[in-house]
Amino acid sequence: MSDASAAGPGTARIDRWLFAVRLFKSRSLATQAAAGGRVHLNGERVKASHEVRCGDRLTLKRGAVEFECTVSAIPARRGPAQLAARCYAETPASTARRAEFAQRMKLGAALAPRPVERPDKRARAQLRRLRGRI
């Protein structure tokens, strides 16, 4: 077996790569993200069938946070998370954005009012009416 075949293929469809490196839970979600314009390769909007190679710069929107990374390997298949994380290198700016977003979410959760105890049957019915789900 040659070194090239042991390391994996040289290119892969972007939706397969996103699924294989565990950036999306399913390949169909990765395909939808690419079709919806949330995936950019080297600054260009791409379709799900576009080929990705080592060294390419990938930007994608995951929720409200923009994720940036550089492709460092093309896995042959979806494997364990530790091996998947070695297939890309996240940029420091992206890491900082994700940390800042997580901090904002924690702060927002801490400031949100929480009931002391679980609502009883009557209170749950009132909440359903208030939300318009009679």
C-alpha atoms as a PDB file:
ATOM      1  CA  MET A   1       0.000   0.000   0.000  1.00  0.00           C
ATOM      2  CA  SER A   2       1.447   3.389  -0.971  1.00  0.00           C
ATOM      3  CA  ASP A   3       1.752   6.398   1.332  1.00  0.00           C
ATOM      4  CA  ALA A   4      -0.851   8.352  -0.654  1.00  0.00           C
ATOM      5  CA  SER A   5      -3.539   5.699  -0.251  1.00  0.00           C
ATOM      6  CA  ALA A   6      -2.733   5.239   3.452  1.00  0.00           C
ATOM      7  CA  ALA A   7      -3.141   8.975   4.116  1.00  0.00           C
ATOM      8  CA  GLY A   8      -6.544   9.098   2.415  1.00  0.00           C
ATOM      9  CA  PRO A   9      -7.799  10.604  -0.829  1.00  0.00           C
ATOM     10  CA  GLY A  10      -6.422  13.870  -2.226  1.00  0.00           C
ATOM     11  CA  THR A  11      -9.813  15.532  -2.659  1.00  0.00           C
ATOM     12  CA  ALA A  12     -13.352  15.062  -1.401  1.00  0.00           C
ATOM     13  CA  ARG A  13     -16.769  16.631  -1.887  1.00  0.00           C
ATOM     14  CA  ILE A  14     -17.210  19.442   0.603  1.00  0.00           C
ATOM     15  CA  ASP A  15     -20.417  17.987   2.063  1.00  0.00           C
ATOM     16  CA  ARG A  16     -18.679  14.633   2.655  1.00  0.00           C
ATOM     17  CA  TRP A  17     -15.676  16.364   4.221  1.00  0.00           C
ATOM     18  CA  LEU A  18     -17.842  18.465   6.558  1.00  0.00           C
ATOM     19  CA  PHE A  19     -19.660  15.314   7.694  1.00  0.00           C
ATOM     20  CA  ALA A  20     -16.458  13.242   7.997  1.00  0.00           C
ATOM     21  CA  VAL A  21     -14.727  15.803  10.240  1.00  0.00           C
ATOM     22  CA  ARG A  22     -17.859  16.090  12.390  1.00  0.00           C
ATOM     23  CA  LEU A  23     -18.687  19.730  11.717  1.00  0.00           C
ATOM     24  CA  PHE A  24     -22.249  18.584  10.899  1.00  0.00           C
ATOM     25  CA  LYS A  25     -24.255  15.716  12.390  1.00  0.00           C
ATOM     26  CA  SER A  26     -25.381  14.396   9.021  1.00  0.00           C
ATOM     27  CA  ARG A  27     -24.332  14.676   5.422  1.00  0.00           C
ATOM     28  CA  SER A  28     -27.738  16.041   4.471  1.00  0.00           C
ATOM     29  CA  LEU A  29     -27.279  18.922   6.950  1.00  0.00           C
ATOM     30  CA  ALA A  30     -23.871  19.636   5.401  1.00  0.00           C
ATOM     31  CA  THR A  31     -25.456  19.594   1.937  1.00  0.00           C
ATOM     32  CA  GLN A  32     -28.199  21.995   3.065  1.00  0.00           C
ATOM     33  CA  ALA A  33     -25.615  24.358   4.556  1.00  0.00           C
ATOM     34  CA  ALA A  34     -23.656  24.430   1.302  1.00  0.00           C
ATOM     35  CA  ALA A  35     -26.818  24.873  -0.776  1.00  0.00           C
ATOM     36  CA  GLY A  36     -27.985  27.661   1.545  1.00  0.00           C
ATOM     37  CA  GLY A  37     -24.795  29.681   1.043  1.00  0.00           C
ATOM     38  CA  ARG A  38     -23.447  29.218   4.564  1.00  0.00           C
ATOM     39  CA  VAL A  39     -20.262  27.459   3.382  1.00  0.00           C
ATOM     40  CA  HIS A  40     -17.441  29.383   1.685  1.00  0.00           C
ATOM     41  CA  LEU A  41     -14.230  27.856   0.370  1.00  0.00           C
ATOM     42  CA  ASN A  42     -11.323  30.248  -0.187  1.00  0.00           C
ATOM     43  CA  GLY A  43     -13.756  33.171   0.009  1.00  0.00           C
ATOM     44  CA  GLU A  44     -16.145  31.776  -2.624  1.00  0.00           C
ATOM     45  CA  ARG A  45     -19.633  30.403  -2.072  1.00  0.00           C
ATOM     46  CA  VAL A  46     -19.648  26.732  -3.083  1.00  0.00           C
ATOM     47  CA  LYS A  47     -22.113  23.962  -3.845  1.00  0.00           C
ATOM     48  CA  ALA A  48     -22.126  20.659  -1.966  1.00  0.00           C
ATOM     49  CA  SER A  49     -20.369  18.850  -4.823  1.00  0.00           C
ATOM     50  CA  HIS A  50     -17.348  21.193  -4.855  1.00  0.00           C
ATOM     51  CA  GLU A  51     -14.008  19.497  -4.232  1.00  0.00           C
ATOM     52  CA  VAL A  52     -11.972  20.396  -1.139  1.00  0.00           C
ATOM     53  CA  ARG A  53      -8.176  19.927  -0.930  1.00  0.00           C
ATOM     54  CA  CYS A  54      -5.530  20.225   1.767  1.00  0.00           C
ATOM     55  CA  GLY A  55      -4.600  23.859   2.371  1.00  0.00           C
ATOM     56  CA  ASP A  56      -8.025  25.259   1.440  1.00  0.00           C
ATOM     57  CA  ARG A  57      -9.505  27.878   3.752  1.00  0.00           C
ATOM     58  CA  LEU A  58     -13.062  27.097   4.832  1.00  0.00           C
ATOM     59  CA  THR A  59     -15.587  29.486   6.395  1.00  0.00           C
ATOM     60  CA  LEU A  60     -19.023  28.388   7.517  1.00  0.00           C
ATOM     61  CA  LYS A  61     -21.869  29.726   9.629  1.00  0.00           C
ATOM     62  CA  ARG A  62     -22.846  27.418  12.492  1.00  0.00           C
ATOM     63  CA  GLY A  63     -25.789  28.959  14.258  1.00  0.00           C
ATOM     64  CA  ALA A  64     -24.880  32.558  15.021  1.00  0.00           C
ATOM     65  CA  VAL A  65     -21.103  32.008  14.989  1.00  0.00           C
ATOM     66  CA  GLU A  66     -18.800  32.060  11.979  1.00  0.00           C
ATOM     67  CA  PHE A  67     -16.312  29.161  11.986  1.00  0.00           C
ATOM     68  CA  GLU A  68     -13.024  29.462  10.071  1.00  0.00           C
ATOM     69  CA  CYS A  69     -10.475  26.719   9.508  1.00  0.00           C
ATOM     70  CA  THR A  70      -7.774  25.469   7.178  1.00  0.00           C
ATOM     71  CA  VAL A  71      -8.125  21.971   5.728  1.00  0.00           C
ATOM     72  CA  SER A  72      -5.138  19.874   6.771  1.00  0.00           C
ATOM     73  CA  ALA A  73      -6.284  16.365   5.773  1.00  0.00           C
ATOM     74  CA  ILE A  74      -8.958  14.532   3.833  1.00  0.00           C
ATOM     75  CA  PRO A  75     -10.300  11.564   5.811  1.00  0.00           C
ATOM     76  CA  ALA A  76     -11.329   8.449   3.910  1.00  0.00           C
ATOM     77  CA  ARG A  77     -14.399   8.007   6.116  1.00  0.00           C
ATOM     78  CA  ARG A  78     -16.093   9.426   9.216  1.00  0.00           C
ATOM     79  CA  GLY A  79     -14.127   8.280  12.225  1.00  0.00           C
ATOM     80  CA  PRO A  80     -13.567   9.159  15.877  1.00  0.00           C
ATOM     81  CA  ALA A  81     -13.726  12.794  16.972  1.00  0.00           C
ATOM     82  CA  GLN A  82     -10.035  12.903  17.911  1.00  0.00           C
ATOM     83  CA  LEU A  83      -8.984  11.906  14.389  1.00  0.00           C
ATOM     84  CA  ALA A  84     -11.560  14.224  12.825  1.00  0.00           C
ATOM     85  CA  ALA A  85     -10.192  17.225  14.752  1.00  0.00           C
ATOM     86  CA  ARG A  86      -6.758  16.632  13.195  1.00  0.00           C
ATOM     87  CA  CYS A  87      -8.189  17.136   9.707  1.00  0.00           C
ATOM     88  CA  TYR A  88      -8.539  20.904  10.151  1.00  0.00           C
ATOM     89  CA  ALA A  89      -6.874  23.758  12.023  1.00  0.00           C
ATOM     90  CA  GLU A  90      -9.217  26.418  13.404  1.00  0.00           C
ATOM     91  CA  THR A  91      -7.975  29.991  13.134  1.00  0.00           C
ATOM     92  CA  PRO A  92      -7.270  31.920  16.358  1.00  0.00           C
ATOM     93  CA  ALA A  93      -9.862  34.555  15.404  1.00  0.00           C
ATOM     94  CA  SER A  94     -12.529  31.868  15.057  1.00  0.00           C
ATOM     95  CA  THR A  95     -11.597  30.350  18.415  1.00  0.00           C
ATOM     96  CA  ALA A  96     -11.855  33.771  20.052  1.00  0.00           C
ATOM     97  CA  ARG A  97     -15.279  34.385  18.453  1.00  0.00           C
ATOM     98  CA  ARG A  98     -16.614  31.057  19.713  1.00  0.00           C
ATOM     99  CA  ALA A  99     -15.287  31.701  23.240  1.00  0.00           C
ATOM    100  CA  GLU A 100     -16.826  35.190  23.300  1.00  0.00           C
ATOM    101  CA  PHE A 101     -20.163  33.807  22.046  1.00  0.00           C
ATOM    102  CA  ALA A 102     -20.144  31.090  24.726  1.00  0.00           C
ATOM    103  CA  GLN A 103     -19.453  33.740  27.376  1.00  0.00           C
ATOM    104  CA  ARG A 104     -22.381  35.858  26.121  1.00  0.00           C
ATOM    105  CA  MET A 105     -24.689  32.827  26.188  1.00  0.00           C
ATOM    106  CA  LYS A 106     -23.680  31.982  29.772  1.00  0.00           C
ATOM    107  CA  LEU A 107     -24.283  35.559  30.852  1.00  0.00           C
ATOM    108  CA  GLY A 108     -27.690  35.592  29.131  1.00  0.00           C
ATOM    109  CA  ALA A 109     -28.681  32.320  30.804  1.00  0.00           C
ATOM    110  CA  ALA A 110     -27.626  33.647  34.194  1.00  0.00           C
ATOM    111  CA  LEU A 111     -29.741  36.793  33.784  1.00  0.00           C
ATOM    112  CA  ALA A 112     -32.854  34.957  32.548  1.00  0.00           C
ATOM    113  CA  PRO A 113     -35.560  34.549  35.176  1.00  0.00           C
ATOM    114  CA  ARG A 114     -35.940  30.980  36.427  1.00  0.00           C
ATOM    115  CA  PRO A 115     -38.838  29.653  38.459  1.00  0.00           C
ATOM    116  CA  VAL A 116     -38.021  28.313  41.914  1.00  0.00           C
ATOM    117  CA  GLU A 117     -39.993  25.133  41.314  1.00  0.00           C
ATOM    118  CA  ARG A 118     -41.673  23.279  38.484  1.00  0.00           C
ATOM    119  CA  PRO A 119     -45.061  24.730  37.468  1.00  0.00           C
ATOM    120  CA  ASP A 120     -48.115  22.738  38.526  1.00  0.00           C
ATOM    121  CA  LYS A 121     -50.905  21.638  36.178  1.00  0.00           C
ATOM    122  CA  ARG A 122     -52.776  24.954  36.381  1.00  0.00           C
ATOM    123  CA  ALA A 123     -49.627  27.039  35.810  1.00  0.00           C
ATOM    124  CA  ARG A 124     -48.654  24.885  32.801  1.00  0.00           C
ATOM    125  CA  ALA A 125     -52.114  25.456  31.281  1.00  0.00           C
ATOM    126  CA  GLN A 126     -51.720  29.208  31.802  1.00  0.00           C
ATOM    127  CA  LEU A 127     -48.306  29.125  30.120  1.00  0.00           C
ATOM    128  CA  ARG A 128     -49.764  27.245  27.129  1.00  0.00           C
ATOM    129  CA  ARG A 129     -52.543  29.839  26.791  1.00  0.00           C
ATOM    130  CA  LEU A 130     -50.047  32.669  27.095  1.00  0.00           C
ATOM    131  CA  ARG A 131     -47.923  31.167  24.318  1.00  0.00           C
ATOM    132  CA  GLY A 132     -50.983  30.583  22.130  1.00  0.00           C
ATOM    133  CA  ARG A 133     -50.877  26.781  22.242  1.00  0.00           C
ATOM    134  CA  ILE A 134     -54.299  26.124  23.746  1.00  0.00           C
END
